[in-house]
Amino acid sequence: MEQISSKEILEQTVQQFTNDTERTWFKHSRNINITKHSKSWWNKKYQKELENYRVSRNVENWRKFRNITNKTKCAFFNVKIQETAALRGGPWELMN
């Protein structure tokens, strides 16, 4: 009877773990597509604050996260409003 070495057992275990992880990843992951409805105001500073909050779950980090969110959105949309007003000639063009 052939004996299997501990190295072979370890390699089989690691290979099985790798296969299971890969199968689970592809089953539950999804592709992200950037569309016209994506958040174009999102930036790296916003992402960093979101990660800080998720790690700590601290109320103060949540406030910083929301503050940066509001400032970022405001700045982004102010630029968009200015661009639209300059291109089309008046603020009434911004409304449906």
PDB file of N, CA and C in Angstrom:
ATOM      1  N   MET A   1       0.832  -1.179   0.000  1.00  0.00           N
ATOM      2  CA  MET A   1       0.000   0.000   0.000  1.00  0.00           C
ATOM      3  C   MET A   1       0.875   1.241   0.000  1.00  0.00           C
ATOM      4  N   GLU A   2       0.524   2.183  -0.838  1.00  0.00           N
ATOM      5  CA  GLU A   2       1.332   3.388  -0.995  1.00  0.00           C
ATOM      6  C   GLU A   2       0.965   4.407   0.087  1.00  0.00           C
ATOM      7  N   GLN A   3       1.983   5.003   0.693  1.00  0.00           N
ATOM      8  CA  GLN A   3       1.735   6.015   1.718  1.00  0.00           C
ATOM      9  C   GLN A   3       1.840   7.402   1.099  1.00  0.00           C
ATOM     10  N   ILE A   4       0.957   8.264   1.544  1.00  0.00           N
ATOM     11  CA  ILE A   4       0.968   9.648   1.063  1.00  0.00           C
ATOM     12  C   ILE A   4       1.711  10.481   2.090  1.00  0.00           C
ATOM     13  N   SER A   5       2.653  11.267   1.590  1.00  0.00           N
ATOM     14  CA  SER A   5       3.441  12.088   2.509  1.00  0.00           C
ATOM     15  C   SER A   5       2.628  13.290   2.990  1.00  0.00           C
ATOM     16  N   SER A   6       3.058  13.867   4.073  1.00  0.00           N
ATOM     17  CA  SER A   6       2.357  15.030   4.624  1.00  0.00           C
ATOM     18  C   SER A   6       2.437  16.214   3.658  1.00  0.00           C
ATOM     19  N   LYS A   7       3.519  16.271   2.877  1.00  0.00           N
ATOM     20  CA  LYS A   7       3.650  17.337   1.892  1.00  0.00           C
ATOM     21  C   LYS A   7       2.569  17.202   0.818  1.00  0.00           C
ATOM     22  N   GLU A   8       2.322  15.991   0.363  1.00  0.00           N
ATOM     23  CA  GLU A   8       1.289  15.761  -0.648  1.00  0.00           C
ATOM     24  C   GLU A   8      -0.100  16.063  -0.097  1.00  0.00           C
ATOM     25  N   ILE A   9      -0.328  15.686   1.162  1.00  0.00           N
ATOM     26  CA  ILE A   9      -1.612  15.979   1.802  1.00  0.00           C
ATOM     27  C   ILE A   9      -1.827  17.478   1.889  1.00  0.00           C
ATOM     28  N   LEU A  10      -0.783  18.185   2.275  1.00  0.00           N
ATOM     29  CA  LEU A  10      -0.865  19.641   2.364  1.00  0.00           C
ATOM     30  C   LEU A  10      -1.141  20.256   0.994  1.00  0.00           C
ATOM     31  N   GLU A  11      -0.452  19.790  -0.028  1.00  0.00           N
ATOM     32  CA  GLU A  11      -0.670  20.306  -1.379  1.00  0.00           C
ATOM     33  C   GLU A  11      -2.102  20.043  -1.857  1.00  0.00           C
ATOM     34  N   GLN A  12      -2.631  18.868  -1.566  1.00  0.00           N
ATOM     35  CA  GLN A  12      -4.009  18.548  -1.947  1.00  0.00           C
ATOM     36  C   GLN A  12      -5.007  19.447  -1.213  1.00  0.00           C
ATOM     37  N   THR A  13      -4.742  19.672   0.063  1.00  0.00           N
ATOM     38  CA  THR A  13      -5.622  20.514   0.869  1.00  0.00           C
ATOM     39  C   THR A  13      -5.612  21.945   0.356  1.00  0.00           C
ATOM     40  N   VAL A  14      -4.427  22.457   0.071  1.00  0.00           N
ATOM     41  CA  VAL A  14      -4.312  23.823  -0.437  1.00  0.00           C
ATOM     42  C   VAL A  14      -4.978  23.934  -1.802  1.00  0.00           C
ATOM     43  N   GLN A  15      -4.801  22.948  -2.653  1.00  0.00           N
ATOM     44  CA  GLN A  15      -5.422  22.959  -3.976  1.00  0.00           C
ATOM     45  C   GLN A  15      -6.950  22.925  -3.858  1.00  0.00           C
ATOM     46  N   GLN A  16      -7.460  22.110  -2.961  1.00  0.00           N
ATOM     47  CA  GLN A  16      -8.905  22.038  -2.746  1.00  0.00           C
ATOM     48  C   GLN A  16      -9.435  23.372  -2.226  1.00  0.00           C
ATOM     49  N   PHE A  17      -8.706  23.981  -1.304  1.00  0.00           N
ATOM     50  CA  PHE A  17      -9.099  25.287  -0.771  1.00  0.00           C
ATOM     51  C   PHE A  17      -9.110  26.332  -1.883  1.00  0.00           C
ATOM     52  N   THR A  18      -8.097  26.320  -2.726  1.00  0.00           N
ATOM     53  CA  THR A  18      -8.012  27.255  -3.846  1.00  0.00           C
ATOM     54  C   THR A  18      -9.192  27.064  -4.796  1.00  0.00           C
ATOM     55  N   ASN A  19      -9.503  25.837  -5.115  1.00  0.00           N
ATOM     56  CA  ASN A  19     -10.630  25.552  -6.006  1.00  0.00           C
ATOM     57  C   ASN A  19     -11.948  26.020  -5.398  1.00  0.00           C
ATOM     58  N   ASP A  20     -12.151  25.732  -4.106  1.00  0.00           N
ATOM     59  CA  ASP A  20     -13.386  26.151  -3.433  1.00  0.00           C
ATOM     60  C   ASP A  20     -13.507  27.666  -3.389  1.00  0.00           C
ATOM     61  N   THR A  21     -12.409  28.340  -3.095  1.00  0.00           N
ATOM     62  CA  THR A  21     -12.413  29.802  -3.036  1.00  0.00           C
ATOM     63  C   THR A  21     -12.727  30.395  -4.406  1.00  0.00           C
ATOM     64  N   GLU A  22     -12.109  29.876  -5.438  1.00  0.00           N
ATOM     65  CA  GLU A  22     -12.339  30.363  -6.795  1.00  0.00           C
ATOM     66  C   GLU A  22     -13.793  30.137  -7.223  1.00  0.00           C
ATOM     67  N   ARG A  23     -14.319  28.961  -6.939  1.00  0.00           N
ATOM     68  CA  ARG A  23     -15.699  28.649  -7.288  1.00  0.00           C
ATOM     69  C   ARG A  23     -16.665  29.601  -6.564  1.00  0.00           C
ATOM     70  N   THR A  24     -16.416  29.827  -5.278  1.00  0.00           N
ATOM     71  CA  THR A  24     -17.263  30.736  -4.500  1.00  0.00           C
ATOM     72  C   THR A  24     -17.153  32.162  -5.020  1.00  0.00           C
ATOM     73  N   TRP A  25     -15.946  32.592  -5.355  1.00  0.00           N
ATOM     74  CA  TRP A  25     -15.745  33.944  -5.876  1.00  0.00           C
ATOM     75  C   TRP A  25     -16.572  34.156  -7.143  1.00  0.00           C
ATOM     76  N   PHE A  26     -16.478  33.229  -8.075  1.00  0.00           N
ATOM     77  CA  PHE A  26     -17.189  33.400  -9.336  1.00  0.00           C
ATOM     78  C   PHE A  26     -18.701  33.245  -9.171  1.00  0.00           C
ATOM     79  N   LYS A  27     -19.119  32.499  -8.174  1.00  0.00           N
ATOM     80  CA  LYS A  27     -20.552  32.343  -7.928  1.00  0.00           C
ATOM     81  C   LYS A  27     -21.158  33.630  -7.371  1.00  0.00           C
ATOM     82  N   HIS A  28     -20.433  34.334  -6.489  1.00  0.00           N
ATOM     83  CA  HIS A  28     -20.995  35.474  -5.776  1.00  0.00           C
ATOM     84  C   HIS A  28     -20.493  36.838  -6.253  1.00  0.00           C
ATOM     85  N   SER A  29     -19.472  36.883  -7.072  1.00  0.00           N
ATOM     86  CA  SER A  29     -18.964  38.172  -7.539  1.00  0.00           C
ATOM     87  C   SER A  29     -19.800  38.664  -8.712  1.00  0.00           C
ATOM     88  N   ARG A  30     -19.665  39.940  -8.996  1.00  0.00           N
ATOM     89  CA  ARG A  30     -20.376  40.504 -10.139  1.00  0.00           C
ATOM     90  C   ARG A  30     -19.488  41.541 -10.805  1.00  0.00           C
ATOM     91  N   ASN A  31     -19.692  41.704 -12.082  1.00  0.00           N
ATOM     92  CA  ASN A  31     -18.959  42.716 -12.825  1.00  0.00           C
ATOM     93  C   ASN A  31     -19.598  44.067 -12.567  1.00  0.00           C
ATOM     94  N   ILE A  32     -18.775  45.082 -12.430  1.00  0.00           N
ATOM     95  CA  ILE A  32     -19.274  46.429 -12.229  1.00  0.00           C
ATOM     96  C   ILE A  32     -19.119  47.183 -13.541  1.00  0.00           C
ATOM     97  N   ASN A  33     -20.216  47.707 -14.013  1.00  0.00           N
ATOM     98  CA  ASN A  33     -20.213  48.477 -15.250  1.00  0.00           C
ATOM     99  C   ASN A  33     -20.469  49.939 -14.925  1.00  0.00           C
ATOM    100  N   ILE A  34     -19.663  50.796 -15.482  1.00  0.00           N
ATOM    101  CA  ILE A  34     -19.878  52.222 -15.321  1.00  0.00           C
ATOM    102  C   ILE A  34     -20.896  52.653 -16.361  1.00  0.00           C
ATOM    103  N   THR A  35     -21.991  53.234 -15.876  1.00  0.00           N
ATOM    104  CA  THR A  35     -23.061  53.659 -16.761  1.00  0.00           C
ATOM    105  C   THR A  35     -23.315  55.146 -16.587  1.00  0.00           C
ATOM    106  N   LYS A  36     -24.310  55.646 -17.294  1.00  0.00           N
ATOM    107  CA  LYS A  36     -24.648  57.055 -17.144  1.00  0.00           C
ATOM    108  C   LYS A  36     -25.249  57.334 -15.774  1.00  0.00           C
ATOM    109  N   HIS A  37     -25.633  56.291 -15.042  1.00  0.00           N
ATOM    110  CA  HIS A  37     -26.212  56.453 -13.712  1.00  0.00           C
ATOM    111  C   HIS A  37     -25.173  56.262 -12.598  1.00  0.00           C
ATOM    112  N   SER A  38     -23.921  56.002 -12.961  1.00  0.00           N
ATOM    113  CA  SER A  38     -22.870  55.825 -11.957  1.00  0.00           C
ATOM    114  C   SER A  38     -22.575  57.145 -11.264  1.00  0.00           C
ATOM    115  N   LYS A  39     -21.985  57.050 -10.085  1.00  0.00           N
ATOM    116  CA  LYS A  39     -21.662  58.241  -9.302  1.00  0.00           C
ATOM    117  C   LYS A  39     -20.360  58.852  -9.822  1.00  0.00           C
ATOM    118  N   SER A  40     -20.468  59.824 -10.678  1.00  0.00           N
ATOM    119  CA  SER A  40     -19.263  60.418 -11.262  1.00  0.00           C
ATOM    120  C   SER A  40     -18.586  61.387 -10.310  1.00  0.00           C
ATOM    121  N   TRP A  41     -19.205  61.704  -9.188  1.00  0.00           N
ATOM    122  CA  TRP A  41     -18.594  62.583  -8.194  1.00  0.00           C
ATOM    123  C   TRP A  41     -17.702  61.811  -7.228  1.00  0.00           C
ATOM    124  N   TRP A  42     -17.714  60.488  -7.296  1.00  0.00           N
ATOM    125  CA  TRP A  42     -16.929  59.641  -6.396  1.00  0.00           C
ATOM    126  C   TRP A  42     -15.450  59.898  -6.627  1.00  0.00           C
ATOM    127  N   ASN A  43     -14.673  60.025  -5.539  1.00  0.00           N
ATOM    128  CA  ASN A  43     -13.224  60.206  -5.686  1.00  0.00           C
ATOM    129  C   ASN A  43     -12.475  59.394  -4.643  1.00  0.00           C
ATOM    130  N   LYS A  44     -11.137  59.447  -4.682  1.00  0.00           N
ATOM    131  CA  LYS A  44     -10.322  58.620  -3.793  1.00  0.00           C
ATOM    132  C   LYS A  44     -10.436  59.051  -2.333  1.00  0.00           C
ATOM    133  N   LYS A  45     -10.583  60.352  -2.097  1.00  0.00           N
ATOM    134  CA  LYS A  45     -10.728  60.828  -0.722  1.00  0.00           C
ATOM    135  C   LYS A  45     -12.018  60.274  -0.118  1.00  0.00           C
ATOM    136  N   TYR A  46     -13.074  60.277  -0.896  1.00  0.00           N
ATOM    137  CA  TYR A  46     -14.353  59.737  -0.459  1.00  0.00           C
ATOM    138  C   TYR A  46     -14.218  58.250  -0.151  1.00  0.00           C
ATOM    139  N   GLN A  47     -13.534  57.517  -1.016  1.00  0.00           N
ATOM    140  CA  GLN A  47     -13.321  56.081  -0.818  1.00  0.00           C
ATOM    141  C   GLN A  47     -12.539  55.818   0.460  1.00  0.00           C
ATOM    142  N   LYS A  48     -11.506  56.623   0.721  1.00  0.00           N
ATOM    143  CA  LYS A  48     -10.683  56.451   1.922  1.00  0.00           C
ATOM    144  C   LYS A  48     -11.512  56.643   3.188  1.00  0.00           C
ATOM    145  N   GLU A  49     -12.338  57.661   3.217  1.00  0.00           N
ATOM    146  CA  GLU A  49     -13.177  57.910   4.393  1.00  0.00           C
ATOM    147  C   GLU A  49     -14.216  56.802   4.586  1.00  0.00           C
ATOM    148  N   LEU A  50     -14.730  56.292   3.495  1.00  0.00           N
ATOM    149  CA  LEU A  50     -15.673  55.183   3.589  1.00  0.00           C
ATOM    150  C   LEU A  50     -14.996  53.954   4.192  1.00  0.00           C
ATOM    151  N   GLU A  51     -13.784  53.656   3.755  1.00  0.00           N
ATOM    152  CA  GLU A  51     -13.044  52.519   4.303  1.00  0.00           C
ATOM    153  C   GLU A  51     -12.723  52.732   5.777  1.00  0.00           C
ATOM    154  N   ASN A  52     -12.345  53.964   6.160  1.00  0.00           N
ATOM    155  CA  ASN A  52     -12.079  54.267   7.572  1.00  0.00           C
ATOM    156  C   ASN A  52     -13.311  53.993   8.411  1.00  0.00           C
ATOM    157  N   TYR A  53     -14.449  54.431   7.941  1.00  0.00           N
ATOM    158  CA  TYR A  53     -15.682  54.207   8.695  1.00  0.00           C
ATOM    159  C   TYR A  53     -16.008  52.716   8.778  1.00  0.00           C
ATOM    160  N   ARG A  54     -15.896  52.006   7.681  1.00  0.00           N
ATOM    161  CA  ARG A  54     -16.231  50.583   7.688  1.00  0.00           C
ATOM    162  C   ARG A  54     -15.351  49.791   8.641  1.00  0.00           C
ATOM    163  N   VAL A  55     -14.079  50.174   8.743  1.00  0.00           N
ATOM    164  CA  VAL A  55     -13.170  49.471   9.653  1.00  0.00           C
ATOM    165  C   VAL A  55     -13.505  49.785  11.105  1.00  0.00           C
ATOM    166  N   SER A  56     -13.734  51.051  11.412  1.00  0.00           N
ATOM    167  CA  SER A  56     -13.895  51.463  12.807  1.00  0.00           C
ATOM    168  C   SER A  56     -15.334  51.426  13.307  1.00  0.00           C
ATOM    169  N   ARG A  57     -16.295  51.688  12.433  1.00  0.00           N
ATOM    170  CA  ARG A  57     -17.704  51.828  12.816  1.00  0.00           C
ATOM    171  C   ARG A  57     -17.876  52.891  13.905  1.00  0.00           C
ATOM    172  N   ASN A  58     -17.027  53.884  13.842  1.00  0.00           N
ATOM    173  CA  ASN A  58     -17.021  54.969  14.822  1.00  0.00           C
ATOM    174  C   ASN A  58     -17.959  56.078  14.342  1.00  0.00           C
ATOM    175  N   VAL A  59     -18.719  56.675  15.274  1.00  0.00           N
ATOM    176  CA  VAL A  59     -19.660  57.744  14.926  1.00  0.00           C
ATOM    177  C   VAL A  59     -18.920  58.947  14.351  1.00  0.00           C
ATOM    178  N   GLU A  60     -17.776  59.265  14.897  1.00  0.00           N
ATOM    179  CA  GLU A  60     -17.005  60.415  14.406  1.00  0.00           C
ATOM    180  C   GLU A  60     -16.541  60.179  12.963  1.00  0.00           C
ATOM    181  N   ASN A  61     -16.126  58.968  12.652  1.00  0.00           N
ATOM    182  CA  ASN A  61     -15.729  58.657  11.273  1.00  0.00           C
ATOM    183  C   ASN A  61     -16.928  58.718  10.331  1.00  0.00           C
ATOM    184  N   TRP A  62     -18.109  58.325  10.827  1.00  0.00           N
ATOM    185  CA  TRP A  62     -19.326  58.433  10.027  1.00  0.00           C
ATOM    186  C   TRP A  62     -19.609  59.893   9.706  1.00  0.00           C
ATOM    187  N   ARG A  63     -19.460  60.776  10.680  1.00  0.00           N
ATOM    188  CA  ARG A  63     -19.691  62.204  10.453  1.00  0.00           C
ATOM    189  C   ARG A  63     -18.702  62.766   9.427  1.00  0.00           C
ATOM    190  N   LYS A  64     -17.439  62.380   9.541  1.00  0.00           N
ATOM    191  CA  LYS A  64     -16.441  62.835   8.564  1.00  0.00           C
ATOM    192  C   LYS A  64     -16.794  62.336   7.160  1.00  0.00           C
ATOM    193  N   PHE A  65     -17.200  61.081   7.100  1.00  0.00           N
ATOM    194  CA  PHE A  65     -17.596  60.471   5.830  1.00  0.00           C
ATOM    195  C   PHE A  65     -18.766  61.235   5.204  1.00  0.00           C
ATOM    196  N   ARG A  66     -19.801  61.509   5.969  1.00  0.00           N
ATOM    197  CA  ARG A  66     -20.973  62.242   5.468  1.00  0.00           C
ATOM    198  C   ARG A  66     -20.604  63.674   5.085  1.00  0.00           C
ATOM    199  N   ASN A  67     -19.753  64.311   5.878  1.00  0.00           N
ATOM    200  CA  ASN A  67     -19.323  65.676   5.583  1.00  0.00           C
ATOM    201  C   ASN A  67     -18.585  65.732   4.244  1.00  0.00           C
ATOM    202  N   ILE A  68     -17.668  64.806   4.046  1.00  0.00           N
ATOM    203  CA  ILE A  68     -16.914  64.771   2.784  1.00  0.00           C
ATOM    204  C   ILE A  68     -17.859  64.432   1.628  1.00  0.00           C
ATOM    205  N   THR A  69     -18.815  63.541   1.854  1.00  0.00           N
ATOM    206  CA  THR A  69     -19.794  63.205   0.822  1.00  0.00           C
ATOM    207  C   THR A  69     -20.558  64.444   0.379  1.00  0.00           C
ATOM    208  N   ASN A  70     -21.070  65.178   1.346  1.00  0.00           N
ATOM    209  CA  ASN A  70     -21.847  66.374   1.015  1.00  0.00           C
ATOM    210  C   ASN A  70     -21.007  67.417   0.298  1.00  0.00           C
ATOM    211  N   LYS A  71     -19.797  67.667   0.772  1.00  0.00           N
ATOM    212  CA  LYS A  71     -18.919  68.653   0.129  1.00  0.00           C
ATOM    213  C   LYS A  71     -18.548  68.223  -1.286  1.00  0.00           C
ATOM    214  N   THR A  72     -18.251  66.937  -1.450  1.00  0.00           N
ATOM    215  CA  THR A  72     -17.852  66.430  -2.764  1.00  0.00           C
ATOM    216  C   THR A  72     -18.995  66.542  -3.764  1.00  0.00           C
ATOM    217  N   LYS A  73     -20.190  66.126  -3.353  1.00  0.00           N
ATOM    218  CA  LYS A  73     -21.352  66.223  -4.235  1.00  0.00           C
ATOM    219  C   LYS A  73     -21.641  67.674  -4.592  1.00  0.00           C
ATOM    220  N   CYS A  74     -21.607  68.530  -3.592  1.00  0.00           N
ATOM    221  CA  CYS A  74     -21.901  69.948  -3.814  1.00  0.00           C
ATOM    222  C   CYS A  74     -20.926  70.555  -4.824  1.00  0.00           C
ATOM    223  N   ALA A  75     -19.634  70.308  -4.621  1.00  0.00           N
ATOM    224  CA  ALA A  75     -18.624  70.847  -5.531  1.00  0.00           C
ATOM    225  C   ALA A  75     -18.817  70.302  -6.948  1.00  0.00           C
ATOM    226  N   PHE A  76     -19.057  69.007  -7.068  1.00  0.00           N
ATOM    227  CA  PHE A  76     -19.235  68.386  -8.372  1.00  0.00           C
ATOM    228  C   PHE A  76     -20.432  68.981  -9.105  1.00  0.00           C
ATOM    229  N   PHE A  77     -21.559  69.077  -8.408  1.00  0.00           N
ATOM    230  CA  PHE A  77     -22.765  69.557  -9.078  1.00  0.00           C
ATOM    231  C   PHE A  77     -22.727  71.062  -9.325  1.00  0.00           C
ATOM    232  N   ASN A  78     -22.011  71.809  -8.512  1.00  0.00           N
ATOM    233  CA  ASN A  78     -21.830  73.235  -8.812  1.00  0.00           C
ATOM    234  C   ASN A  78     -21.073  73.420 -10.113  1.00  0.00           C
ATOM    235  N   VAL A  79     -20.062  72.611 -10.331  1.00  0.00           N
ATOM    236  CA  VAL A  79     -19.311  72.673 -11.598  1.00  0.00           C
ATOM    237  C   VAL A  79     -20.226  72.299 -12.759  1.00  0.00           C
ATOM    238  N   LYS A  80     -21.031  71.246 -12.597  1.00  0.00           N
ATOM    239  CA  LYS A  80     -21.945  70.835 -13.662  1.00  0.00           C
ATOM    240  C   LYS A  80     -22.967  71.937 -13.976  1.00  0.00           C
ATOM    241  N   ILE A  81     -23.482  72.589 -12.940  1.00  0.00           N
ATOM    242  CA  ILE A  81     -24.435  73.679 -13.148  1.00  0.00           C
ATOM    243  C   ILE A  81     -23.777  74.822 -13.898  1.00  0.00           C
ATOM    244  N   GLN A  82     -22.560  75.168 -13.505  1.00  0.00           N
ATOM    245  CA  GLN A  82     -21.839  76.252 -14.183  1.00  0.00           C
ATOM    246  C   GLN A  82     -21.572  75.900 -15.651  1.00  0.00           C
ATOM    247  N   GLU A  83     -21.184  74.663 -15.911  1.00  0.00           N
ATOM    248  CA  GLU A  83     -20.941  74.233 -17.292  1.00  0.00           C
ATOM    249  C   GLU A  83     -22.220  74.311 -18.126  1.00  0.00           C
ATOM    250  N   THR A  84     -23.308  73.827 -17.569  1.00  0.00           N
ATOM    251  CA  THR A  84     -24.575  73.833 -18.296  1.00  0.00           C
ATOM    252  C   THR A  84     -25.052  75.258 -18.542  1.00  0.00           C
ATOM    253  N   ALA A  85     -24.937  76.099 -17.523  1.00  0.00           N
ATOM    254  CA  ALA A  85     -25.372  77.489 -17.674  1.00  0.00           C
ATOM    255  C   ALA A  85     -24.521  78.213 -18.716  1.00  0.00           C
ATOM    256  N   ALA A  86     -23.231  77.943 -18.738  1.00  0.00           N
ATOM    257  CA  ALA A  86     -22.341  78.601 -19.706  1.00  0.00           C
ATOM    258  C   ALA A  86     -22.623  78.098 -21.124  1.00  0.00           C
ATOM    259  N   LEU A  87     -22.890  76.804 -21.270  1.00  0.00           N
ATOM    260  CA  LEU A  87     -23.134  76.240 -22.591  1.00  0.00           C
ATOM    261  C   LEU A  87     -24.479  76.666 -23.164  1.00  0.00           C
ATOM    262  N   ARG A  88     -25.501  76.665 -22.346  1.00  0.00           N
ATOM    263  CA  ARG A  88     -26.852  76.874 -22.842  1.00  0.00           C
ATOM    264  C   ARG A  88     -27.352  78.294 -22.639  1.00  0.00           C
ATOM    265  N   GLY A  89     -26.650  79.074 -21.853  1.00  0.00           N
ATOM    266  CA  GLY A  89     -26.991  80.485 -21.775  1.00  0.00           C
ATOM    267  C   GLY A  89     -27.913  80.932 -20.670  1.00  0.00           C
ATOM    268  N   GLY A  90     -28.464  80.055 -19.872  1.00  0.00           N
ATOM    269  CA  GLY A  90     -29.340  80.503 -18.804  1.00  0.00           C
ATOM    270  C   GLY A  90     -29.717  79.421 -17.833  1.00  0.00           C
ATOM    271  N   PRO A  91     -30.058  79.813 -16.607  1.00  0.00           N
ATOM    272  CA  PRO A  91     -30.405  78.816 -15.589  1.00  0.00           C
ATOM    273  C   PRO A  91     -31.703  78.096 -15.898  1.00  0.00           C
ATOM    274  N   TRP A  92     -32.610  78.677 -16.670  1.00  0.00           N
ATOM    275  CA  TRP A  92     -33.873  78.025 -16.997  1.00  0.00           C
ATOM    276  C   TRP A  92     -33.660  76.760 -17.822  1.00  0.00           C
ATOM    277  N   GLU A  93     -32.507  76.661 -18.479  1.00  0.00           N
ATOM    278  CA  GLU A  93     -32.179  75.494 -19.278  1.00  0.00           C
ATOM    279  C   GLU A  93     -31.856  74.279 -18.392  1.00  0.00           C
ATOM    280  N   LEU A  94     -31.630  74.513 -17.098  1.00  0.00           N
ATOM    281  CA  LEU A  94     -31.290  73.416 -16.205  1.00  0.00           C
ATOM    282  C   LEU A  94     -32.523  72.650 -15.765  1.00  0.00           C
ATOM    283  N   MET A  95     -33.699  73.191 -15.991  1.00  0.00           N
ATOM    284  CA  MET A  95     -34.943  72.562 -15.541  1.00  0.00           C
ATOM    285  C   MET A  95     -35.660  71.924 -16.713  1.00  0.00           C
ATOM    286  N   ASN A  96     -36.420  70.871 -16.399  1.00  0.00           N
ATOM    287  CA  ASN A  96     -37.211  70.196 -17.436  1.00  0.00           C
ATOM    288  C   ASN A  96     -38.409  71.031 -17.820  1.00  0.00           C
TER     289      ASN A  96
END
